[in-house]
Structure formats: C-alpha cells, structure tokens
Amino acid sequence: MRKIISIFSVVLMLTGCPGGKPAPHARYTYINDEKLCFSVDKKDVLNYYRIESNQEKGYVVIKNDEELHLIYPDDCINVKWKYGYSYAVSYGLNDKGYIHRFFIDNNGQLTNMEY
C-alpha cells in the first residue's frame, strides 16, 4: 500500500497541475487615427476582441465583442482613443489568442509597449 501511495505521489508531481488556456501571443494591430484593424489578411478570421485601458479607476473595458466571424475589412472597428493612457487589445484570430499593448501620449503619438 505504501508503495502505491509513493508511486501515485511521484506521478502526480511529475505531471503537475492542469493549467488554463495558454497565454496570448504578442501581435500588433493596425491603428490609424480612430480606426483599428486586427488583420489585413483576408484569410484571417476575427473571433473576439476586448480593448482595455488604465484610466482613472484602474483598468476599464473600452469596447469588446465575442463570438465573431469577421474577415478584413469587416474586422476593422472605430475606437475613440483618449490621449495620455495605455491600452491592451486582446483578440482572437483564427482561434488563437493575441495581445497588443501600447501607449498614446497627449499628442496622439502611439508607442508600442515592449514584449
């Protein structure tokens, strides 16, 4: 009995605990003024998106949509960016998760965050 418990413990330690979804990969979006496109490739399919910003009260969801099946140019949306804040755009493209982090300064200049 002791041997079985020992073997079970070793197997459990080697396999580890099951994890959740894998972390999203870094990938830039295409931003031109208030227009945001997730891809310009007509083979890519947008599944979902979520835009967050660290404004006055912590992170705020600016815009989101789920259960999509959009291809370019229908995968482009309009977003009214507030200057002086950083943003995180999480999105699904071809059933894979991606994220784009950036900062828009008070002059409207976009700077991509380091990955």
C-alpha atoms as a PDB file:
ATOM      1  CA  MET A   1       0.000   0.000   0.000  1.00  0.00           C
ATOM      2  CA  ARG A   2       2.832   2.359   0.870  1.00  0.00           C
ATOM      3  CA  LYS A   3       4.456   1.652  -2.478  1.00  0.00           C
ATOM      4  CA  ILE A   4       1.256   2.532  -4.360  1.00  0.00           C
ATOM      5  CA  ILE A   5       0.907   5.835  -2.497  1.00  0.00           C
ATOM      6  CA  SER A   6       4.563   6.665  -3.208  1.00  0.00           C
ATOM      7  CA  ILE A   7       4.211   5.877  -6.916  1.00  0.00           C
ATOM      8  CA  PHE A   8       0.981   7.887  -7.138  1.00  0.00           C
ATOM      9  CA  SER A   9       2.667  10.863  -5.430  1.00  0.00           C
ATOM     10  CA  VAL A  10       5.633  10.737  -7.831  1.00  0.00           C
ATOM     11  CA  VAL A  11       3.340  10.525 -10.869  1.00  0.00           C
ATOM     12  CA  LEU A  12       1.274  13.455  -9.608  1.00  0.00           C
ATOM     13  CA  MET A  13       4.399  15.577  -9.033  1.00  0.00           C
ATOM     14  CA  LEU A  14       5.793  14.783 -12.483  1.00  0.00           C
ATOM     15  CA  THR A  15       2.586  15.554 -14.348  1.00  0.00           C
ATOM     16  CA  GLY A  16       1.836  18.754 -12.440  1.00  0.00           C
ATOM     17  CA  CYS A  17      -1.468  20.503 -12.164  1.00  0.00           C
ATOM     18  CA  PRO A  18      -3.577  21.143 -15.230  1.00  0.00           C
ATOM     19  CA  GLY A  19      -3.347  24.716 -16.432  1.00  0.00           C
ATOM     20  CA  GLY A  20      -5.774  27.026 -18.122  1.00  0.00           C
ATOM     21  CA  LYS A  21      -5.617  28.451 -21.606  1.00  0.00           C
ATOM     22  CA  PRO A  22      -2.167  29.356 -22.893  1.00  0.00           C
ATOM     23  CA  ALA A  23      -1.128  32.999 -22.560  1.00  0.00           C
ATOM     24  CA  PRO A  24      -1.865  35.157 -25.619  1.00  0.00           C
ATOM     25  CA  HIS A  25       0.958  35.843 -28.066  1.00  0.00           C
ATOM     26  CA  ALA A  26       2.141  39.376 -28.719  1.00  0.00           C
ATOM     27  CA  ARG A  27       0.960  40.667 -32.099  1.00  0.00           C
ATOM     28  CA  TYR A  28       0.431  44.204 -33.319  1.00  0.00           C
ATOM     29  CA  THR A  29      -2.871  45.513 -34.618  1.00  0.00           C
ATOM     30  CA  TYR A  30      -3.170  48.194 -37.317  1.00  0.00           C
ATOM     31  CA  ILE A  31      -4.186  51.569 -35.913  1.00  0.00           C
ATOM     32  CA  ASN A  32      -4.773  54.695 -37.981  1.00  0.00           C
ATOM     33  CA  ASP A  33      -6.382  57.525 -36.010  1.00  0.00           C
ATOM     34  CA  GLU A  34      -9.661  56.078 -34.711  1.00  0.00           C
ATOM     35  CA  LYS A  35      -9.648  53.001 -36.956  1.00  0.00           C
ATOM     36  CA  LEU A  36      -8.319  49.718 -35.551  1.00  0.00           C
ATOM     37  CA  CYS A  37      -7.899  46.644 -37.764  1.00  0.00           C
ATOM     38  CA  PHE A  38      -6.955  43.280 -36.338  1.00  0.00           C
ATOM     39  CA  SER A  39      -5.572  41.900 -39.609  1.00  0.00           C
ATOM     40  CA  VAL A  40      -5.367  42.897 -43.260  1.00  0.00           C
ATOM     41  CA  ASP A  41      -5.132  39.298 -44.464  1.00  0.00           C
ATOM     42  CA  LYS A  42      -8.439  38.064 -45.916  1.00  0.00           C
ATOM     43  CA  LYS A  43      -7.586  34.541 -44.715  1.00  0.00           C
ATOM     44  CA  ASP A  44      -7.642  35.621 -41.057  1.00  0.00           C
ATOM     45  CA  VAL A  45     -10.877  35.332 -39.072  1.00  0.00           C
ATOM     46  CA  LEU A  46     -11.509  37.557 -36.044  1.00  0.00           C
ATOM     47  CA  ASN A  47     -13.189  35.555 -33.255  1.00  0.00           C
ATOM     48  CA  TYR A  48     -13.386  38.122 -30.428  1.00  0.00           C
ATOM     49  CA  TYR A  49     -11.784  41.297 -29.099  1.00  0.00           C
ATOM     50  CA  ARG A  50     -11.505  43.220 -25.849  1.00  0.00           C
ATOM     51  CA  ILE A  51      -9.975  46.689 -25.502  1.00  0.00           C
ATOM     52  CA  GLU A  52      -8.920  47.826 -22.024  1.00  0.00           C
ATOM     53  CA  SER A  53      -7.238  50.970 -20.751  1.00  0.00           C
ATOM     54  CA  ASN A  54      -5.692  52.035 -17.460  1.00  0.00           C
ATOM     55  CA  GLN A  55      -7.705  55.181 -16.958  1.00  0.00           C
ATOM     56  CA  GLU A  56      -8.667  57.000 -13.742  1.00  0.00           C
ATOM     57  CA  LYS A  57     -10.102  53.997 -11.869  1.00  0.00           C
ATOM     58  CA  GLY A  58      -7.765  51.186 -12.906  1.00  0.00           C
ATOM     59  CA  TYR A  59      -8.362  49.093 -15.996  1.00  0.00           C
ATOM     60  CA  VAL A  60     -11.572  49.917 -17.839  1.00  0.00           C
ATOM     61  CA  VAL A  61     -13.103  47.935 -20.702  1.00  0.00           C
ATOM     62  CA  ILE A  62     -13.426  50.353 -23.612  1.00  0.00           C
ATOM     63  CA  LYS A  63     -15.045  48.001 -26.105  1.00  0.00           C
ATOM     64  CA  ASN A  64     -15.493  44.259 -26.560  1.00  0.00           C
ATOM     65  CA  ASP A  65     -17.342  41.718 -28.656  1.00  0.00           C
ATOM     66  CA  GLU A  66     -17.406  37.920 -28.700  1.00  0.00           C
ATOM     67  CA  GLU A  67     -18.434  35.021 -30.917  1.00  0.00           C
ATOM     68  CA  LEU A  68     -17.426  36.838 -34.095  1.00  0.00           C
ATOM     69  CA  HIS A  69     -16.522  35.508 -37.524  1.00  0.00           C
ATOM     70  CA  LEU A  70     -15.188  38.592 -39.316  1.00  0.00           C
ATOM     71  CA  ILE A  71     -12.601  38.957 -42.074  1.00  0.00           C
ATOM     72  CA  TYR A  72     -10.875  42.052 -43.449  1.00  0.00           C
ATOM     73  CA  PRO A  73     -12.164  44.736 -43.988  1.00  0.00           C
ATOM     74  CA  ASP A  74     -15.050  43.836 -41.665  1.00  0.00           C
ATOM     75  CA  ASP A  75     -12.569  43.179 -38.840  1.00  0.00           C
ATOM     76  CA  CYS A  76     -11.875  46.927 -38.534  1.00  0.00           C
ATOM     77  CA  ILE A  77     -13.624  48.931 -35.821  1.00  0.00           C
ATOM     78  CA  ASN A  78     -13.723  52.568 -34.759  1.00  0.00           C
ATOM     79  CA  VAL A  79     -12.354  53.434 -31.336  1.00  0.00           C
ATOM     80  CA  LYS A  80     -12.258  56.880 -29.748  1.00  0.00           C
ATOM     81  CA  TRP A  81      -8.833  56.822 -28.053  1.00  0.00           C
ATOM     82  CA  LYS A  82      -8.198  59.052 -25.042  1.00  0.00           C
ATOM     83  CA  TYR A  83      -4.723  60.513 -25.117  1.00  0.00           C
ATOM     84  CA  GLY A  84      -2.344  60.015 -22.203  1.00  0.00           C
ATOM     85  CA  TYR A  85      -3.268  56.393 -21.442  1.00  0.00           C
ATOM     86  CA  SER A  86      -2.001  52.905 -22.154  1.00  0.00           C
ATOM     87  CA  TYR A  87      -4.175  50.274 -23.801  1.00  0.00           C
ATOM     88  CA  ALA A  88      -4.310  46.498 -24.127  1.00  0.00           C
ATOM     89  CA  VAL A  89      -6.117  44.948 -27.084  1.00  0.00           C
ATOM     90  CA  SER A  90      -6.779  41.228 -26.578  1.00  0.00           C
ATOM     91  CA  TYR A  91      -8.203  39.403 -29.557  1.00  0.00           C
ATOM     92  CA  GLY A  92      -8.719  36.008 -31.144  1.00  0.00           C
ATOM     93  CA  LEU A  93      -7.597  35.455 -34.693  1.00  0.00           C
ATOM     94  CA  ASN A  94      -8.104  32.024 -36.259  1.00  0.00           C
ATOM     95  CA  ASP A  95      -8.918  30.637 -32.781  1.00  0.00           C
ATOM     96  CA  LYS A  96      -5.565  31.786 -31.321  1.00  0.00           C
ATOM     97  CA  GLY A  97      -5.227  34.456 -28.646  1.00  0.00           C
ATOM     98  CA  TYR A  98      -3.171  37.615 -29.212  1.00  0.00           C
ATOM     99  CA  ILE A  99      -2.492  40.840 -27.349  1.00  0.00           C
ATOM    100  CA  HIS A 100      -1.245  44.288 -28.397  1.00  0.00           C
ATOM    101  CA  ARG A 101      -0.148  46.733 -25.683  1.00  0.00           C
ATOM    102  CA  PHE A 102       0.566  50.374 -26.462  1.00  0.00           C
ATOM    103  CA  PHE A 103       0.554  53.903 -25.071  1.00  0.00           C
ATOM    104  CA  ILE A 104      -0.915  57.010 -26.706  1.00  0.00           C
ATOM    105  CA  ASP A 105       0.716  60.191 -25.428  1.00  0.00           C
ATOM    106  CA  ASN A 106      -1.005  63.553 -25.017  1.00  0.00           C
ATOM    107  CA  ASN A 107      -0.060  64.491 -28.599  1.00  0.00           C
ATOM    108  CA  GLY A 108      -1.688  61.361 -30.057  1.00  0.00           C
ATOM    109  CA  GLN A 109       1.620  59.561 -30.715  1.00  0.00           C
ATOM    110  CA  LEU A 110       1.283  55.781 -30.338  1.00  0.00           C
ATOM    111  CA  THR A 111       4.177  53.842 -28.788  1.00  0.00           C
ATOM    112  CA  ASN A 112       4.116  50.043 -28.724  1.00  0.00           C
ATOM    113  CA  MET A 113       4.984  48.516 -25.360  1.00  0.00           C
ATOM    114  CA  GLU A 114       7.923  46.129 -25.080  1.00  0.00           C
ATOM    115  CA  TYR A 115       7.161  42.425 -25.219  1.00  0.00           C
END
